[in-house]
């Protein structure tokens, strides 16, 4: 449960930067199977955090564009 709270507190840039580091470590090799699995799992969690941020940003943009479009339609009448 604490992990979920910590994930939600991560900003997009923090999660992205940590994910980049996880990928770098996995690609470099030299870790045990257990360490690699833990890194993979952390990477999956971080990717989900990033996806939630990006989905939220997309929703905000779509809402702003829809509002702008609605406002433009109202001005033309």
N, C-alpha and C. Protein backbone atom coordinates (compact mmCIF):
# COMPACT_ATOMS: atom_id res chain seq x y z
N UNK A 1 0.83 -1.20 0.00
CA UNK A 1 0.00 0.00 0.00
C UNK A 1 0.87 1.25 0.00
N UNK A 2 1.95 1.24 0.77
CA UNK A 2 2.85 2.38 0.81
C UNK A 2 3.45 2.63 -0.57
N UNK A 3 3.73 1.56 -1.31
CA UNK A 3 4.28 1.68 -2.65
C UNK A 3 3.33 2.46 -3.55
N UNK A 4 2.03 2.17 -3.46
CA UNK A 4 1.03 2.87 -4.28
C UNK A 4 1.02 4.36 -3.95
N UNK A 5 1.08 4.69 -2.67
CA UNK A 5 1.07 6.09 -2.25
C UNK A 5 2.32 6.78 -2.78
N UNK A 6 3.46 6.12 -2.68
CA UNK A 6 4.71 6.70 -3.17
C UNK A 6 4.66 6.89 -4.68
N UNK A 7 4.09 5.93 -5.40
CA UNK A 7 3.97 6.04 -6.85
C UNK A 7 3.11 7.24 -7.23
N UNK A 8 1.99 7.41 -6.54
CA UNK A 8 1.08 8.50 -6.86
C UNK A 8 1.71 9.86 -6.55
N UNK A 9 2.66 9.89 -5.62
CA UNK A 9 3.32 11.14 -5.27
C UNK A 9 4.40 11.51 -6.29
N UNK A 10 4.83 10.55 -7.10
CA UNK A 10 5.85 10.82 -8.10
C UNK A 10 5.30 11.70 -9.21
N UNK A 11 6.05 12.71 -9.55
CA UNK A 11 5.69 13.52 -10.70
C UNK A 11 6.09 12.78 -11.96
N UNK A 12 5.61 13.25 -13.10
CA UNK A 12 5.93 12.60 -14.37
C UNK A 12 7.43 12.56 -14.61
N UNK A 13 8.09 13.71 -14.44
CA UNK A 13 9.52 13.78 -14.72
C UNK A 13 10.33 12.86 -13.81
N UNK A 14 9.93 12.79 -12.54
CA UNK A 14 10.62 11.90 -11.60
C UNK A 14 10.47 10.44 -12.03
N UNK A 15 9.25 10.05 -12.36
CA UNK A 15 8.99 8.67 -12.77
C UNK A 15 9.73 8.35 -14.07
N UNK A 16 9.70 9.29 -15.01
CA UNK A 16 10.40 9.08 -16.29
C UNK A 16 11.89 8.93 -16.08
N UNK A 17 12.48 9.80 -15.26
CA UNK A 17 13.92 9.73 -15.02
C UNK A 17 14.31 8.43 -14.34
N UNK A 18 13.52 8.00 -13.37
CA UNK A 18 13.81 6.74 -12.70
C UNK A 18 13.65 5.57 -13.67
N UNK A 19 12.64 5.64 -14.53
CA UNK A 19 12.43 4.58 -15.53
C UNK A 19 13.62 4.51 -16.48
N UNK A 20 14.14 5.64 -16.90
CA UNK A 20 15.32 5.66 -17.76
C UNK A 20 16.50 4.97 -17.08
N UNK A 21 16.66 5.26 -15.80
CA UNK A 21 17.75 4.63 -15.04
C UNK A 21 17.55 3.12 -14.92
N UNK A 22 16.32 2.68 -14.69
CA UNK A 22 16.03 1.25 -14.61
C UNK A 22 16.38 0.57 -15.93
N UNK A 23 15.97 1.16 -17.03
CA UNK A 23 16.25 0.59 -18.35
C UNK A 23 17.76 0.54 -18.58
N UNK A 24 18.45 1.61 -18.22
CA UNK A 24 19.91 1.65 -18.39
C UNK A 24 20.58 0.51 -17.63
N UNK A 25 20.14 0.30 -16.38
CA UNK A 25 20.72 -0.77 -15.57
C UNK A 25 20.41 -2.15 -16.14
N UNK A 26 19.19 -2.33 -16.63
CA UNK A 26 18.83 -3.62 -17.24
C UNK A 26 19.65 -3.88 -18.50
N UNK A 27 19.81 -2.86 -19.32
CA UNK A 27 20.56 -3.02 -20.56
C UNK A 27 22.05 -3.25 -20.30
N UNK A 28 22.57 -2.68 -19.23
CA UNK A 28 23.99 -2.83 -18.91
C UNK A 28 24.31 -4.25 -18.47
N UNK A 29 23.31 -4.94 -17.92
CA UNK A 29 23.54 -6.30 -17.45
C UNK A 29 24.34 -6.30 -16.16
N UNK A 30 24.87 -7.47 -15.83
CA UNK A 30 25.69 -7.59 -14.63
C UNK A 30 24.90 -7.69 -13.35
N UNK A 31 23.59 -7.84 -13.44
CA UNK A 31 22.77 -8.00 -12.24
C UNK A 31 22.33 -9.45 -12.14
N UNK A 32 22.00 -9.84 -10.93
CA UNK A 32 21.50 -11.20 -10.74
C UNK A 32 20.09 -11.30 -11.30
N UNK A 33 19.62 -12.51 -11.44
CA UNK A 33 18.26 -12.72 -11.93
C UNK A 33 17.26 -12.03 -11.01
N UNK A 34 17.45 -12.17 -9.71
CA UNK A 34 16.54 -11.56 -8.74
C UNK A 34 16.55 -10.04 -8.86
N UNK A 35 17.74 -9.45 -9.00
CA UNK A 35 17.85 -8.00 -9.16
C UNK A 35 17.19 -7.56 -10.47
N UNK A 36 17.42 -8.33 -11.53
CA UNK A 36 16.82 -7.99 -12.82
C UNK A 36 15.30 -8.03 -12.75
N UNK A 37 14.76 -9.04 -12.07
CA UNK A 37 13.30 -9.12 -11.92
C UNK A 37 12.76 -7.95 -11.11
N UNK A 38 13.46 -7.59 -10.06
CA UNK A 38 13.03 -6.45 -9.24
C UNK A 38 13.07 -5.16 -10.07
N UNK A 39 14.12 -4.99 -10.87
CA UNK A 39 14.21 -3.82 -11.73
C UNK A 39 13.08 -3.81 -12.75
N UNK A 40 12.81 -4.96 -13.34
CA UNK A 40 11.73 -5.06 -14.33
C UNK A 40 10.40 -4.67 -13.71
N UNK A 41 10.13 -5.20 -12.52
CA UNK A 41 8.86 -4.88 -11.83
C UNK A 41 8.77 -3.39 -11.53
N UNK A 42 9.87 -2.81 -11.08
CA UNK A 42 9.87 -1.38 -10.79
C UNK A 42 9.64 -0.58 -12.08
N UNK A 43 10.28 -1.03 -13.15
CA UNK A 43 10.08 -0.37 -14.44
C UNK A 43 8.62 -0.41 -14.87
N UNK A 44 7.97 -1.54 -14.67
CA UNK A 44 6.54 -1.65 -15.02
C UNK A 44 5.71 -0.68 -14.19
N UNK A 45 6.01 -0.57 -12.90
CA UNK A 45 5.28 0.37 -12.03
C UNK A 45 5.49 1.81 -12.50
N UNK A 46 6.73 2.13 -12.81
CA UNK A 46 7.04 3.49 -13.26
C UNK A 46 6.38 3.80 -14.59
N UNK A 47 6.34 2.83 -15.49
CA UNK A 47 5.68 3.03 -16.78
C UNK A 47 4.19 3.31 -16.57
N UNK A 48 3.57 2.64 -15.61
CA UNK A 48 2.15 2.89 -15.32
C UNK A 48 1.94 4.30 -14.78
N UNK A 49 2.86 4.74 -13.92
CA UNK A 49 2.77 6.10 -13.38
C UNK A 49 2.86 7.11 -14.53
N UNK A 50 3.84 6.90 -15.42
CA UNK A 50 3.99 7.81 -16.57
C UNK A 50 2.75 7.78 -17.45
N UNK A 51 2.21 6.61 -17.70
CA UNK A 51 1.02 6.48 -18.53
C UNK A 51 -0.16 7.24 -17.91
N UNK A 52 -0.32 7.13 -16.57
CA UNK A 52 -1.42 7.85 -15.91
C UNK A 52 -1.24 9.36 -16.08
N UNK A 53 -0.01 9.85 -15.92
CA UNK A 53 0.24 11.28 -16.10
C UNK A 53 -0.07 11.71 -17.54
N UNK A 54 0.39 10.91 -18.49
CA UNK A 54 0.16 11.26 -19.90
C UNK A 54 -1.32 11.19 -20.26
N UNK A 55 -2.02 10.18 -19.74
CA UNK A 55 -3.45 10.08 -19.99
C UNK A 55 -4.20 11.28 -19.39
N UNK A 56 -3.78 11.68 -18.19
CA UNK A 56 -4.39 12.84 -17.55
C UNK A 56 -4.13 14.12 -18.34
N UNK A 57 -2.91 14.25 -18.84
CA UNK A 57 -2.59 15.43 -19.64
C UNK A 57 -3.41 15.45 -20.92
N UNK A 58 -3.56 14.29 -21.56
CA UNK A 58 -4.36 14.19 -22.79
C UNK A 58 -5.81 14.57 -22.51
N UNK A 59 -6.35 14.10 -21.39
CA UNK A 59 -7.74 14.42 -21.03
C UNK A 59 -7.90 15.92 -20.81
N UNK A 60 -6.93 16.55 -20.15
CA UNK A 60 -6.99 18.00 -19.93
C UNK A 60 -6.92 18.76 -21.25
N UNK A 61 -6.04 18.32 -22.15
CA UNK A 61 -5.95 18.97 -23.46
C UNK A 61 -7.24 18.81 -24.25
N UNK A 62 -7.78 17.60 -24.25
CA UNK A 62 -9.03 17.36 -24.96
C UNK A 62 -10.16 18.22 -24.41
N UNK A 63 -10.22 18.34 -23.07
CA UNK A 63 -11.26 19.16 -22.45
C UNK A 63 -11.08 20.63 -22.82
N UNK A 64 -9.84 21.10 -22.81
CA UNK A 64 -9.58 22.50 -23.16
C UNK A 64 -9.93 22.76 -24.62
N UNK A 65 -9.58 21.84 -25.49
CA UNK A 65 -9.91 22.00 -26.91
C UNK A 65 -11.42 21.97 -27.14
N UNK A 66 -12.10 21.08 -26.43
CA UNK A 66 -13.56 21.00 -26.57
C UNK A 66 -14.21 22.28 -26.06
N UNK A 67 -13.70 22.81 -24.96
CA UNK A 67 -14.23 24.07 -24.41
C UNK A 67 -13.99 25.22 -25.38
N UNK A 68 -12.79 25.24 -25.95
CA UNK A 68 -12.46 26.29 -26.92
C UNK A 68 -13.37 26.19 -28.15
N UNK A 69 -13.59 24.98 -28.59
CA UNK A 69 -14.45 24.75 -29.76
C UNK A 69 -15.89 25.17 -29.45
N UNK A 70 -16.36 24.84 -28.26
CA UNK A 70 -17.71 25.22 -27.86
C UNK A 70 -17.84 26.73 -27.76
N UNK A 71 -16.81 27.37 -27.21
CA UNK A 71 -16.79 28.83 -27.11
C UNK A 71 -16.77 29.48 -28.48
N UNK A 72 -16.03 28.91 -29.41
CA UNK A 72 -15.96 29.45 -30.77
C UNK A 72 -17.30 29.31 -31.47
N UNK A 73 -17.99 28.18 -31.24
CA UNK A 73 -19.30 27.96 -31.84
C UNK A 73 -20.31 28.98 -31.31
N UNK A 74 -20.20 29.29 -30.02
CA UNK A 74 -21.13 30.24 -29.41
C UNK A 74 -20.89 31.65 -29.90
N UNK A 75 -19.65 31.98 -30.24
CA UNK A 75 -19.33 33.33 -30.72
C UNK A 75 -19.85 33.58 -32.12
N UNK A 76 -19.97 32.54 -32.92
CA UNK A 76 -20.35 32.73 -34.32
C UNK A 76 -21.85 32.92 -34.49
N UNK A 77 -22.62 32.67 -33.46
CA UNK A 77 -24.07 32.80 -33.59
C UNK A 77 -24.56 34.16 -33.26
